[in-house]
Amino acid sequence: MNQTLLHLTVSPRKTESYSRRYGQELVQSLCHANPGLQPTIRDLTSPVLPLPDEGFVEASLKPADQRTEKDESALALSEQLIAELSAASSVVIDTPMHNFTVPASLKAWVDYIVRPNRTFKNTGSGKVGLLSNRPVFLIVACGGPVSEAAGAQTDHLTPYLRYVFQTIGITDFRSKTLDRMRRGPQRVKQADLEALQWTRQHRLLSNQVAG
C-alpha cells in the first residue's frame, strides 16, 4: 500500500539553496528505503502562501456548527494544508534559518495548520494534539555558526518547530542543522558529508533509526 511523504521546501534561493539540496537527497533516500512511499511537494515559495487575515482568524475561532459559507471559504486553504499533513505518513521540511528562526513562508504555513479544535484542543492541563504521530524530518541550513561558542547565533528555529508539532500531536521529530555554510568550500564539503551520514541514519520510517 502506497504512503505519502509530504515534502515542504522553503528556501527562496532555489538552485543555490543548500537546504533544498539536502532535503531532496533525504526524500530520495526515504523513498528508496521505503518502497511504496510517494512524495507530495509543497514549495512554500511557489506559490507564496497569503498571510492569515481577519476572516481566517475569526472563522477559525468559531465553533464549526456556527460557521457561515463565508467562514468556510476563509478556512479553505487551511483545510487543504491540514489535509496534506494529515494524509502524510511522514514529513520532510528543508529550510534556511532567517534571523535566527523560521522564514516568513514557513511561519505562514504553521499559522494555517495549528488551529484550535482542528489540530489541537485546549484542556485544563494544556493543549492536546489531535493529529496522529508520524516522523517529521527537519533539515536546516544557515550561513553563520549555531553552537555554544562565543559569537554563535541562537537557534530559535528548531525548538520552535519541535514545539509546534508536539502541540498538534506529532512527537517523532528528527532534526539536523548544518551551519557555517558561508564559511568557504571546505565547510560545504564537510556539511555534505554530515548531511549524507544523517540521511543514512534516518532513512527508515520506524521509530528506530537505522544504524
N, C-alpha and C. Protein backbone atom coordinates (compact mmCIF):
# COMPACT_ATOMS: atom_id res chain seq x y z
N MET A 1 0.85 -1.20 0.00
CA MET A 1 0.00 0.00 0.00
C MET A 1 0.88 1.25 0.00
N ASN A 2 0.59 2.17 -0.93
CA ASN A 2 1.38 3.38 -1.03
C ASN A 2 1.11 4.32 0.14
N GLN A 3 2.16 5.00 0.57
CA GLN A 3 2.05 6.02 1.59
C GLN A 3 2.60 7.32 1.04
N THR A 4 2.19 8.43 1.66
CA THR A 4 2.58 9.75 1.17
C THR A 4 3.61 10.39 2.07
N LEU A 5 4.64 10.95 1.45
CA LEU A 5 5.62 11.76 2.16
C LEU A 5 5.37 13.21 1.76
N LEU A 6 5.04 14.05 2.72
CA LEU A 6 4.86 15.47 2.46
C LEU A 6 6.21 16.17 2.55
N HIS A 7 6.63 16.77 1.44
CA HIS A 7 7.92 17.47 1.39
C HIS A 7 7.67 18.97 1.33
N LEU A 8 7.97 19.66 2.43
CA LEU A 8 7.88 21.11 2.49
C LEU A 8 9.27 21.68 2.21
N THR A 9 9.36 22.45 1.15
CA THR A 9 10.64 23.07 0.82
C THR A 9 10.46 24.58 0.86
N VAL A 10 11.41 25.28 1.45
CA VAL A 10 11.14 26.65 1.92
C VAL A 10 12.04 27.71 1.30
N SER A 11 13.28 27.40 0.99
CA SER A 11 14.23 28.44 0.61
C SER A 11 13.84 29.15 -0.68
N PRO A 12 13.92 30.49 -0.70
CA PRO A 12 13.66 31.23 -1.93
C PRO A 12 14.82 31.19 -2.92
N ARG A 13 15.94 30.55 -2.53
CA ARG A 13 17.14 30.58 -3.38
C ARG A 13 17.14 29.52 -4.48
N LYS A 14 16.17 28.59 -4.44
CA LYS A 14 16.01 27.59 -5.49
C LYS A 14 17.29 26.78 -5.68
N THR A 15 17.93 26.88 -6.88
CA THR A 15 19.06 26.01 -7.20
C THR A 15 20.30 26.30 -6.37
N GLU A 16 20.39 27.50 -5.77
CA GLU A 16 21.55 27.85 -4.97
C GLU A 16 21.39 27.45 -3.50
N SER A 17 20.27 26.84 -3.17
CA SER A 17 19.95 26.55 -1.77
C SER A 17 20.57 25.23 -1.31
N TYR A 18 21.29 25.28 -0.21
CA TYR A 18 21.82 24.05 0.39
C TYR A 18 20.69 23.25 1.05
N SER A 19 19.78 23.92 1.72
CA SER A 19 18.70 23.19 2.40
C SER A 19 17.85 22.43 1.39
N ARG A 20 17.56 23.03 0.25
CA ARG A 20 16.78 22.34 -0.78
C ARG A 20 17.54 21.10 -1.28
N ARG A 21 18.82 21.25 -1.49
CA ARG A 21 19.60 20.11 -1.99
C ARG A 21 19.60 18.97 -0.99
N TYR A 22 19.85 19.28 0.28
CA TYR A 22 19.89 18.23 1.29
C TYR A 22 18.50 17.62 1.52
N GLY A 23 17.48 18.46 1.44
CA GLY A 23 16.12 17.94 1.60
C GLY A 23 15.75 16.98 0.48
N GLN A 24 16.10 17.32 -0.74
CA GLN A 24 15.80 16.45 -1.87
C GLN A 24 16.55 15.14 -1.75
N GLU A 25 17.79 15.19 -1.29
CA GLU A 25 18.56 13.96 -1.11
C GLU A 25 17.91 13.07 -0.05
N LEU A 26 17.40 13.69 1.01
CA LEU A 26 16.73 12.91 2.06
C LEU A 26 15.45 12.28 1.53
N VAL A 27 14.66 13.03 0.79
CA VAL A 27 13.42 12.50 0.22
C VAL A 27 13.72 11.31 -0.69
N GLN A 28 14.72 11.43 -1.53
CA GLN A 28 15.09 10.34 -2.42
C GLN A 28 15.52 9.11 -1.62
N SER A 29 16.30 9.32 -0.57
CA SER A 29 16.76 8.21 0.27
C SER A 29 15.58 7.53 0.96
N LEU A 30 14.66 8.31 1.50
CA LEU A 30 13.49 7.74 2.18
C LEU A 30 12.63 6.93 1.22
N CYS A 31 12.40 7.47 0.03
CA CYS A 31 11.57 6.76 -0.94
C CYS A 31 12.25 5.48 -1.43
N HIS A 32 13.57 5.50 -1.53
CA HIS A 32 14.31 4.31 -1.94
C HIS A 32 14.27 3.23 -0.85
N ALA A 33 14.39 3.65 0.40
CA ALA A 33 14.45 2.69 1.51
C ALA A 33 13.08 2.21 1.95
N ASN A 34 12.02 2.92 1.54
CA ASN A 34 10.66 2.57 1.96
C ASN A 34 9.78 2.44 0.72
N PRO A 35 9.78 1.26 0.09
CA PRO A 35 9.02 1.05 -1.14
C PRO A 35 7.54 1.41 -0.97
N GLY A 36 6.99 2.07 -1.97
CA GLY A 36 5.60 2.50 -1.91
C GLY A 36 5.42 3.90 -1.39
N LEU A 37 6.49 4.52 -0.90
CA LEU A 37 6.40 5.88 -0.39
C LEU A 37 6.42 6.87 -1.56
N GLN A 38 5.41 7.71 -1.63
CA GLN A 38 5.27 8.66 -2.74
C GLN A 38 5.35 10.09 -2.22
N PRO A 39 6.26 10.91 -2.76
CA PRO A 39 6.38 12.28 -2.27
C PRO A 39 5.32 13.21 -2.84
N THR A 40 4.83 14.10 -1.99
CA THR A 40 3.98 15.22 -2.40
C THR A 40 4.73 16.49 -2.02
N ILE A 41 5.02 17.34 -3.00
CA ILE A 41 5.85 18.52 -2.75
C ILE A 41 4.97 19.74 -2.54
N ARG A 42 5.24 20.45 -1.47
CA ARG A 42 4.61 21.74 -1.19
C ARG A 42 5.73 22.77 -1.12
N ASP A 43 5.98 23.47 -2.24
CA ASP A 43 7.00 24.52 -2.29
C ASP A 43 6.39 25.80 -1.74
N LEU A 44 6.85 26.23 -0.59
CA LEU A 44 6.24 27.39 0.07
C LEU A 44 6.64 28.72 -0.55
N THR A 45 7.44 28.67 -1.62
CA THR A 45 7.78 29.90 -2.33
C THR A 45 7.06 29.99 -3.67
N SER A 46 6.34 28.94 -4.07
CA SER A 46 5.71 28.91 -5.38
C SER A 46 4.48 28.01 -5.39
N PRO A 47 3.30 28.57 -5.10
CA PRO A 47 3.05 29.99 -4.81
C PRO A 47 3.30 30.30 -3.34
N VAL A 48 3.53 31.56 -3.06
CA VAL A 48 3.70 32.01 -1.68
C VAL A 48 2.33 32.01 -1.00
N LEU A 49 2.27 31.46 0.20
CA LEU A 49 1.02 31.46 0.94
C LEU A 49 0.65 32.88 1.36
N PRO A 50 -0.61 33.27 1.21
CA PRO A 50 -1.01 34.59 1.73
C PRO A 50 -0.98 34.56 3.25
N LEU A 51 -0.74 35.71 3.85
CA LEU A 51 -0.76 35.79 5.30
C LEU A 51 -2.18 35.60 5.81
N PRO A 52 -2.36 34.89 6.93
CA PRO A 52 -3.70 34.78 7.50
C PRO A 52 -4.28 36.16 7.78
N ASP A 53 -5.56 36.33 7.40
CA ASP A 53 -6.20 37.64 7.56
C ASP A 53 -7.30 37.56 8.62
N GLU A 54 -8.03 38.66 8.77
CA GLU A 54 -9.07 38.74 9.79
C GLU A 54 -10.14 37.67 9.58
N GLY A 55 -10.52 37.45 8.31
CA GLY A 55 -11.54 36.47 8.02
C GLY A 55 -11.14 35.07 8.46
N PHE A 56 -9.89 34.72 8.23
CA PHE A 56 -9.40 33.41 8.65
C PHE A 56 -9.41 33.29 10.17
N VAL A 57 -8.89 34.30 10.84
CA VAL A 57 -8.80 34.23 12.31
C VAL A 57 -10.18 34.12 12.93
N GLU A 58 -11.11 34.95 12.48
CA GLU A 58 -12.46 34.92 13.05
C GLU A 58 -13.14 33.57 12.79
N ALA A 59 -12.98 33.04 11.58
CA ALA A 59 -13.60 31.76 11.24
C ALA A 59 -13.00 30.62 12.03
N SER A 60 -11.68 30.67 12.26
CA SER A 60 -11.02 29.58 12.97
C SER A 60 -11.41 29.54 14.44
N LEU A 61 -11.86 30.67 14.98
CA LEU A 61 -12.24 30.73 16.39
C LEU A 61 -13.71 30.37 16.63
N LYS A 62 -14.50 30.29 15.57
CA LYS A 62 -15.90 29.96 15.71
C LYS A 62 -16.10 28.45 15.85
N PRO A 63 -17.08 28.01 16.62
CA PRO A 63 -17.46 26.59 16.61
C PRO A 63 -17.87 26.19 15.19
N ALA A 64 -17.54 24.96 14.81
CA ALA A 64 -17.79 24.51 13.44
C ALA A 64 -19.25 24.64 13.04
N ASP A 65 -20.17 24.40 13.97
CA ASP A 65 -21.59 24.44 13.62
C ASP A 65 -22.15 25.86 13.53
N GLN A 66 -21.31 26.86 13.78
CA GLN A 66 -21.76 28.25 13.69
C GLN A 66 -21.13 28.98 12.50
N ARG A 67 -20.34 28.28 11.70
CA ARG A 67 -19.64 28.93 10.59
C ARG A 67 -20.58 29.12 9.40
N THR A 68 -20.40 30.25 8.76
CA THR A 68 -21.15 30.57 7.55
C THR A 68 -20.39 30.08 6.33
N GLU A 69 -21.02 30.22 5.18
CA GLU A 69 -20.34 29.86 3.92
C GLU A 69 -19.09 30.72 3.73
N LYS A 70 -19.17 31.98 4.14
CA LYS A 70 -18.00 32.88 4.06
C LYS A 70 -16.89 32.38 4.97
N ASP A 71 -17.24 31.90 6.16
CA ASP A 71 -16.23 31.36 7.07
C ASP A 71 -15.54 30.14 6.47
N GLU A 72 -16.34 29.25 5.88
CA GLU A 72 -15.77 28.05 5.29
C GLU A 72 -14.82 28.40 4.14
N SER A 73 -15.16 29.43 3.40
CA SER A 73 -14.29 29.88 2.32
C SER A 73 -12.98 30.43 2.88
N ALA A 74 -13.07 31.16 4.00
CA ALA A 74 -11.87 31.73 4.63
C ALA A 74 -10.95 30.64 5.16
N LEU A 75 -11.51 29.47 5.47
CA LEU A 75 -10.72 28.36 6.02
C LEU A 75 -10.28 27.36 4.96
N ALA A 76 -10.63 27.59 3.70
CA ALA A 76 -10.39 26.59 2.66
C ALA A 76 -8.91 26.25 2.50
N LEU A 77 -8.05 27.26 2.46
CA LEU A 77 -6.62 26.99 2.30
C LEU A 77 -6.08 26.25 3.50
N SER A 78 -6.47 26.64 4.69
CA SER A 78 -6.06 25.95 5.90
C SER A 78 -6.47 24.49 5.85
N GLU A 79 -7.71 24.22 5.43
CA GLU A 79 -8.19 22.85 5.35
C GLU A 79 -7.37 22.04 4.34
N GLN A 80 -7.00 22.66 3.24
CA GLN A 80 -6.18 21.98 2.23
C GLN A 80 -4.81 21.61 2.80
N LEU A 81 -4.18 22.54 3.52
CA LEU A 81 -2.86 22.29 4.08
C LEU A 81 -2.92 21.24 5.19
N ILE A 82 -3.96 21.30 6.02
CA ILE A 82 -4.12 20.31 7.08
C ILE A 82 -4.37 18.93 6.48
N ALA A 83 -5.16 18.88 5.41
CA ALA A 83 -5.43 17.60 4.74
C ALA A 83 -4.15 16.99 4.19
N GLU A 84 -3.26 17.81 3.61
CA GLU A 84 -1.98 17.31 3.11
C GLU A 84 -1.15 16.72 4.24
N LEU A 85 -1.11 17.42 5.36
CA LEU A 85 -0.34 16.94 6.50
C LEU A 85 -0.97 15.68 7.09
N SER A 86 -2.27 15.66 7.23
CA SER A 86 -2.96 14.52 7.82
C SER A 86 -2.78 13.26 6.99
N ALA A 87 -2.73 13.42 5.66
CA ALA A 87 -2.62 12.27 4.77
C ALA A 87 -1.21 11.71 4.69
N ALA A 88 -0.23 12.46 5.16
CA ALA A 88 1.17 12.06 5.02
C ALA A 88 1.59 11.11 6.13
N SER A 89 2.27 10.04 5.76
CA SER A 89 2.82 9.13 6.76
C SER A 89 4.14 9.64 7.31
N SER A 90 4.74 10.61 6.63
CA SER A 90 5.98 11.24 7.08
C SER A 90 6.09 12.61 6.45
N VAL A 91 6.94 13.46 7.03
CA VAL A 91 7.10 14.84 6.56
C VAL A 91 8.58 15.18 6.52
N VAL A 92 9.01 15.80 5.44
CA VAL A 92 10.36 16.36 5.34
C VAL A 92 10.24 17.87 5.16
N ILE A 93 10.94 18.61 6.00
CA ILE A 93 10.99 20.07 5.87
C ILE A 93 12.45 20.46 5.67
N ASP A 94 12.73 21.11 4.55
CA ASP A 94 14.07 21.69 4.39
C ASP A 94 13.92 23.20 4.32
N THR A 95 14.73 23.88 5.12
CA THR A 95 14.55 25.33 5.26
C THR A 95 15.86 26.02 5.63
N PRO A 96 16.03 27.25 5.19
CA PRO A 96 17.11 28.07 5.75
C PRO A 96 16.67 28.63 7.10
N MET A 97 17.61 29.19 7.82
CA MET A 97 17.30 29.93 9.04
C MET A 97 17.36 31.42 8.71
N HIS A 98 16.26 32.12 8.94
CA HIS A 98 16.20 33.56 8.69
C HIS A 98 16.11 34.30 10.00
N ASN A 99 17.13 35.07 10.30
CA ASN A 99 17.13 35.88 11.53
C ASN A 99 16.82 35.03 12.76
N PHE A 100 17.52 33.90 12.83
CA PHE A 100 17.54 33.00 13.99
C PHE A 100 16.30 32.11 14.10
N THR A 101 15.37 32.19 13.14
CA THR A 101 14.15 31.40 13.27
C THR A 101 13.61 31.03 11.89
N VAL A 102 12.31 30.68 11.82
CA VAL A 102 11.74 30.20 10.57
C VAL A 102 11.52 31.34 9.59
N PRO A 103 11.69 31.09 8.29
CA PRO A 103 11.32 32.09 7.28
C PRO A 103 9.83 32.40 7.34
N ALA A 104 9.46 33.56 6.82
CA ALA A 104 8.07 34.00 6.89
C ALA A 104 7.12 33.02 6.21
N SER A 105 7.54 32.42 5.10
CA SER A 105 6.65 31.49 4.38
C SER A 105 6.34 30.26 5.22
N LEU A 106 7.32 29.77 5.98
CA LEU A 106 7.09 28.61 6.84
C LEU A 106 6.23 28.99 8.04
N LYS A 107 6.42 30.19 8.55
CA LYS A 107 5.58 30.66 9.66
C LYS A 107 4.12 30.75 9.22
N ALA A 108 3.88 31.21 7.99
CA ALA A 108 2.50 31.27 7.49
C ALA A 108 1.89 29.88 7.42
N TRP A 109 2.66 28.89 6.97
CA TRP A 109 2.17 27.51 6.92
C TRP A 109 1.80 27.03 8.32
N VAL A 110 2.66 27.32 9.29
CA VAL A 110 2.38 26.93 10.67
C VAL A 110 1.07 27.57 11.14
N ASP A 111 0.87 28.84 10.84
CA ASP A 111 -0.33 29.54 11.30
C ASP A 111 -1.60 28.95 10.69
N TYR A 112 -1.50 28.37 9.50
CA TYR A 112 -2.66 27.75 8.87
C TYR A 112 -2.95 26.36 9.41
N ILE A 113 -1.93 25.64 9.85
CA ILE A 113 -2.18 24.25 10.26
C ILE A 113 -2.32 24.07 11.77
N VAL A 114 -1.97 25.06 12.56
CA VAL A 114 -2.16 24.97 14.02
C VAL A 114 -3.45 25.71 14.37
N ARG A 115 -4.54 24.95 14.52
CA ARG A 115 -5.86 25.56 14.73
C ARG A 115 -6.59 24.90 15.89
N PRO A 116 -7.19 25.71 16.76
CA PRO A 116 -7.94 25.15 17.89
C PRO A 116 -9.13 24.32 17.42
N ASN A 117 -9.32 23.18 18.08
CA ASN A 117 -10.40 22.25 17.80
C ASN A 117 -10.35 21.65 16.40
N ARG A 118 -9.19 21.82 15.76
CA ARG A 118 -8.97 21.19 14.45
C ARG A 118 -7.72 20.33 14.48
N THR A 119 -6.61 20.92 14.91
CA THR A 119 -5.39 20.13 15.06
C THR A 119 -4.92 20.06 16.51
N PHE A 120 -5.54 20.81 17.39
CA PHE A 120 -5.30 20.68 18.83
C PHE A 120 -6.54 21.14 19.58
N LYS A 121 -6.65 20.74 20.84
CA LYS A 121 -7.74 21.22 21.69
C LYS A 121 -7.16 21.70 23.01
N ASN A 122 -7.82 22.66 23.60
CA ASN A 122 -7.41 23.18 24.91
C ASN A 122 -8.09 22.37 26.01
N THR A 123 -7.30 21.99 27.01
CA THR A 123 -7.83 21.27 28.16
C THR A 123 -7.35 21.95 29.43
N GLY A 124 -7.83 21.47 30.55
CA GLY A 124 -7.41 22.04 31.82
C GLY A 124 -5.95 21.85 32.11
N SER A 125 -5.34 20.87 31.45
CA SER A 125 -3.91 20.60 31.67
C SER A 125 -3.05 21.04 30.49
N GLY A 126 -3.63 21.83 29.59
CA GLY A 126 -2.85 22.33 28.47
C GLY A 126 -3.40 21.86 27.13
N LYS A 127 -2.67 22.17 26.06
CA LYS A 127 -3.09 21.81 24.72
C LYS A 127 -2.83 20.31 24.46
N VAL A 128 -3.76 19.69 23.75
CA VAL A 128 -3.64 18.28 23.38
C VAL A 128 -3.76 18.18 21.86
N GLY A 129 -2.77 17.54 21.24
CA GLY A 129 -2.77 17.40 19.78
C GLY A 129 -3.84 16.46 19.30
N LEU A 130 -4.40 16.76 18.13
CA LEU A 130 -5.46 15.95 17.54
C LEU A 130 -5.00 15.15 16.32
N LEU A 131 -3.76 15.32 15.91
CA LEU A 131 -3.23 14.54 14.78
C LEU A 131 -2.46 13.34 15.31
N SER A 132 -2.43 12.28 14.51
CA SER A 132 -1.67 11.09 14.89
C SER A 132 -0.17 11.34 14.69
N ASN A 133 0.64 10.61 15.43
CA ASN A 133 2.08 10.79 15.35
C ASN A 133 2.61 10.22 14.04
N ARG A 134 3.69 10.81 13.54
CA ARG A 134 4.39 10.34 12.34
C ARG A 134 5.76 11.00 12.34
N PRO A 135 6.74 10.45 11.61
CA PRO A 135 8.07 11.06 11.60
C PRO A 135 8.08 12.40 10.86
N VAL A 136 8.72 13.38 11.47
CA VAL A 136 8.99 14.66 10.83
C VAL A 136 10.51 14.83 10.79
N PHE A 137 11.03 15.05 9.60
CA PHE A 137 12.47 15.25 9.40
C PHE A 137 12.71 16.71 9.04
N LEU A 138 13.53 17.39 9.82
CA LEU A 138 13.84 18.80 9.59
C LEU A 138 15.30 18.96 9.24
N ILE A 139 15.57 19.59 8.10
CA ILE A 139 16.94 19.92 7.71
C ILE A 139 17.04 21.44 7.59
N VAL A 140 17.96 22.01 8.36
CA VAL A 140 18.15 23.45 8.41
C VAL A 140 19.55 23.80 7.92
N ALA A 141 19.64 24.81 7.07
CA ALA A 141 20.94 25.32 6.64
C ALA A 141 21.02 26.80 7.00
N CYS A 142 22.17 27.20 7.54
CA CYS A 142 22.35 28.62 7.87
C CYS A 142 23.79 29.03 7.62
N GLY A 143 23.98 30.32 7.34
CA GLY A 143 25.29 30.80 6.96
C GLY A 143 26.26 30.93 8.10
N GLY A 144 25.78 31.31 9.30
CA GLY A 144 26.65 31.53 10.44
C GLY A 144 26.70 30.34 11.37
N PRO A 145 27.50 30.43 12.43
CA PRO A 145 27.63 29.34 13.39
C PRO A 145 26.45 29.25 14.34
N VAL A 146 26.03 28.05 14.65
CA VAL A 146 24.99 27.81 15.64
C VAL A 146 25.56 26.83 16.65
N SER A 147 25.98 27.33 17.77
CA SER A 147 26.60 26.47 18.78
C SER A 147 26.68 27.25 20.08
N GLU A 148 27.38 26.68 21.03
CA GLU A 148 27.59 27.36 22.32
C GLU A 148 28.84 28.24 22.31
N ALA A 149 29.54 28.25 21.20
CA ALA A 149 30.78 29.01 21.13
C ALA A 149 30.50 30.51 21.18
N ALA A 150 31.48 31.27 21.62
CA ALA A 150 31.34 32.72 21.68
C ALA A 150 31.08 33.28 20.29
N GLY A 151 30.10 34.15 20.17
CA GLY A 151 29.79 34.77 18.90
C GLY A 151 28.81 33.98 18.05
N ALA A 152 28.42 32.80 18.48
CA ALA A 152 27.49 32.00 17.71
C ALA A 152 26.06 32.52 17.89
N GLN A 153 25.24 32.30 16.86
CA GLN A 153 23.85 32.74 16.95
C GLN A 153 22.99 31.67 17.61
N THR A 154 21.88 32.09 18.16
CA THR A 154 20.96 31.18 18.83
C THR A 154 19.97 30.60 17.84
N ASP A 155 19.77 29.29 17.91
CA ASP A 155 18.81 28.61 17.05
C ASP A 155 17.43 28.64 17.73
N HIS A 156 16.58 29.56 17.29
CA HIS A 156 15.19 29.57 17.76
C HIS A 156 14.28 28.75 16.85
N LEU A 157 14.80 28.35 15.69
CA LEU A 157 14.00 27.65 14.70
C LEU A 157 13.65 26.22 15.13
N THR A 158 14.66 25.44 15.47
CA THR A 158 14.44 24.02 15.76
C THR A 158 13.54 23.80 16.98
N PRO A 159 13.82 24.42 18.13
CA PRO A 159 12.92 24.19 19.27
C PRO A 159 11.51 24.69 19.02
N TYR A 160 11.37 25.75 18.24
CA TYR A 160 10.04 26.26 17.91
C TYR A 160 9.25 25.23 17.11
N LEU A 161 9.84 24.70 16.04
CA LEU A 161 9.11 23.72 15.22
C LEU A 161 8.85 22.43 15.99
N ARG A 162 9.79 22.03 16.82
CA ARG A 162 9.55 20.83 17.65
C ARG A 162 8.32 21.05 18.53
N TYR A 163 8.20 22.21 19.12
CA TYR A 163 7.06 22.52 20.00
C TYR A 163 5.76 22.61 19.20
N VAL A 164 5.83 23.20 18.01
CA VAL A 164 4.65 23.30 17.14
C VAL A 164 4.10 21.92 16.83
N PHE A 165 4.96 21.01 16.40
CA PHE A 165 4.48 19.67 16.04
C PHE A 165 4.01 18.90 17.27
N GLN A 166 4.69 19.08 18.39
CA GLN A 166 4.24 18.45 19.62
C GLN A 166 2.84 18.93 19.99
N THR A 167 2.57 20.20 19.78
CA THR A 167 1.26 20.78 20.11
C THR A 167 0.14 20.11 19.34
N ILE A 168 0.39 19.72 18.09
CA ILE A 168 -0.68 19.12 17.28
C ILE A 168 -0.64 17.60 17.31
N GLY A 169 0.24 17.02 18.15
CA GLY A 169 0.24 15.58 18.36
C GLY A 169 1.37 14.80 17.74
N ILE A 170 2.34 15.49 17.13
CA ILE A 170 3.44 14.82 16.43
C ILE A 170 4.73 14.99 17.23
N THR A 171 5.21 13.88 17.79
CA THR A 171 6.38 13.94 18.67
C THR A 171 7.62 13.28 18.06
N ASP A 172 7.47 12.55 16.96
CA ASP A 172 8.62 11.91 16.31
C ASP A 172 9.29 12.95 15.42
N PHE A 173 10.17 13.74 16.03
CA PHE A 173 10.76 14.91 15.39
C PHE A 173 12.26 14.73 15.32
N ARG A 174 12.82 14.68 14.12
CA ARG A 174 14.24 14.42 13.92
C ARG A 174 14.84 15.60 13.15
N SER A 175 15.87 16.22 13.67
CA SER A 175 16.38 17.44 13.05
C SER A 175 17.89 17.39 12.86
N LYS A 176 18.32 18.10 11.83
CA LYS A 176 19.75 18.27 11.55
C LYS A 176 19.98 19.69 11.09
N THR A 177 20.87 20.41 11.79
CA THR A 177 21.23 21.77 11.41
C THR A 177 22.64 21.78 10.85
N LEU A 178 22.79 22.34 9.67
CA LEU A 178 24.08 22.47 9.01
C LEU A 178 24.41 23.96 8.98
N ASP A 179 25.35 24.35 9.85
CA ASP A 179 25.65 25.76 10.00
C ASP A 179 26.96 26.12 9.28
N ARG A 180 27.29 27.39 9.34
CA ARG A 180 28.53 27.94 8.75
C ARG A 180 28.63 27.64 7.24
N MET A 181 27.50 27.65 6.55
CA MET A 181 27.50 27.31 5.13
C MET A 181 28.10 28.40 4.26
N ARG A 182 28.36 29.56 4.84
CA ARG A 182 29.02 30.63 4.08
C ARG A 182 30.46 30.83 4.54
N ARG A 183 31.03 29.78 5.08
CA ARG A 183 32.40 29.85 5.59
C ARG A 183 33.41 29.14 4.67
N GLY A 184 33.08 29.04 3.39
CA GLY A 184 34.04 28.52 2.43
C GLY A 184 33.75 27.11 1.96
N PRO A 185 34.41 26.71 0.84
CA PRO A 185 34.13 25.42 0.21
C PRO A 185 34.48 24.22 1.09
N GLN A 186 35.47 24.36 1.96
CA GLN A 186 35.83 23.25 2.82
C GLN A 186 34.71 22.94 3.80
N ARG A 187 34.09 23.97 4.32
CA ARG A 187 32.96 23.76 5.24
C ARG A 187 31.77 23.13 4.50
N VAL A 188 31.56 23.54 3.24
CA VAL A 188 30.47 22.95 2.45
C VAL A 188 30.71 21.47 2.23
N LYS A 189 31.94 21.09 1.95
CA LYS A 189 32.26 19.67 1.77
C LYS A 189 31.99 18.89 3.06
N GLN A 190 32.37 19.47 4.18
CA GLN A 190 32.12 18.82 5.46
C GLN A 190 30.62 18.68 5.71
N ALA A 191 29.86 19.74 5.39
CA ALA A 191 28.41 19.69 5.58
C ALA A 191 27.78 18.65 4.67
N ASP A 192 28.30 18.49 3.46
CA ASP A 192 27.80 17.46 2.56
C ASP A 192 27.92 16.08 3.20
N LEU A 193 29.05 15.82 3.84
CA LEU A 193 29.26 14.53 4.49
C LEU A 193 28.34 14.37 5.70
N GLU A 194 28.18 15.44 6.48
CA GLU A 194 27.28 15.38 7.65
C GLU A 194 25.85 15.09 7.21
N ALA A 195 25.41 15.76 6.15
CA ALA A 195 24.05 15.55 5.65
C ALA A 195 23.88 14.13 5.14
N LEU A 196 24.87 13.60 4.45
CA LEU A 196 24.79 12.24 3.93
C LEU A 196 24.72 11.23 5.07
N GLN A 197 25.56 11.40 6.08
CA GLN A 197 25.56 10.48 7.22
C GLN A 197 24.22 10.53 7.95
N TRP A 198 23.69 11.72 8.16
CA TRP A 198 22.41 11.87 8.87
C TRP A 198 21.28 11.24 8.07
N THR A 199 21.31 11.45 6.75
CA THR A 199 20.28 10.87 5.88
C THR A 199 20.31 9.35 5.95
N ARG A 200 21.50 8.77 5.94
CA ARG A 200 21.62 7.31 6.01
C ARG A 200 21.10 6.78 7.34
N GLN A 201 21.34 7.51 8.42
CA GLN A 201 20.89 7.08 9.74
C GLN A 201 19.37 7.13 9.88
N HIS A 202 18.73 8.02 9.14
CA HIS A 202 17.30 8.27 9.31
C HIS A 202 16.49 7.87 8.08
N ARG A 203 16.96 6.89 7.35
CA ARG A 203 16.28 6.54 6.10
C ARG A 203 15.08 5.63 6.30
N LEU A 204 14.90 5.08 7.49
CA LEU A 204 13.75 4.23 7.75
C LEU A 204 12.68 5.00 8.51
N LEU A 205 11.41 4.64 8.27
CA LEU A 205 10.30 5.42 8.82
C LEU A 205 9.73 4.85 10.10
N SER A 206 10.47 3.97 10.76
CA SER A 206 10.05 3.49 12.06
C SER A 206 10.58 4.44 13.12
N ASN A 207 10.21 4.19 14.37
CA ASN A 207 10.74 5.00 15.47
C ASN A 207 12.19 4.66 15.78
N GLN A 208 12.67 3.56 15.20
CA GLN A 208 14.07 3.18 15.34
C GLN A 208 14.84 3.71 14.14
N VAL A 209 15.93 4.42 14.38
CA VAL A 209 16.73 4.89 13.27
C VAL A 209 17.67 3.77 12.85
N ALA A 210 18.06 3.80 11.59
CA ALA A 210 18.93 2.75 11.07
C ALA A 210 20.36 2.97 11.54
N GLY A 211 21.10 1.88 11.65
CA GLY A 211 22.48 2.01 12.05
C GLY A 211 23.40 2.28 10.88
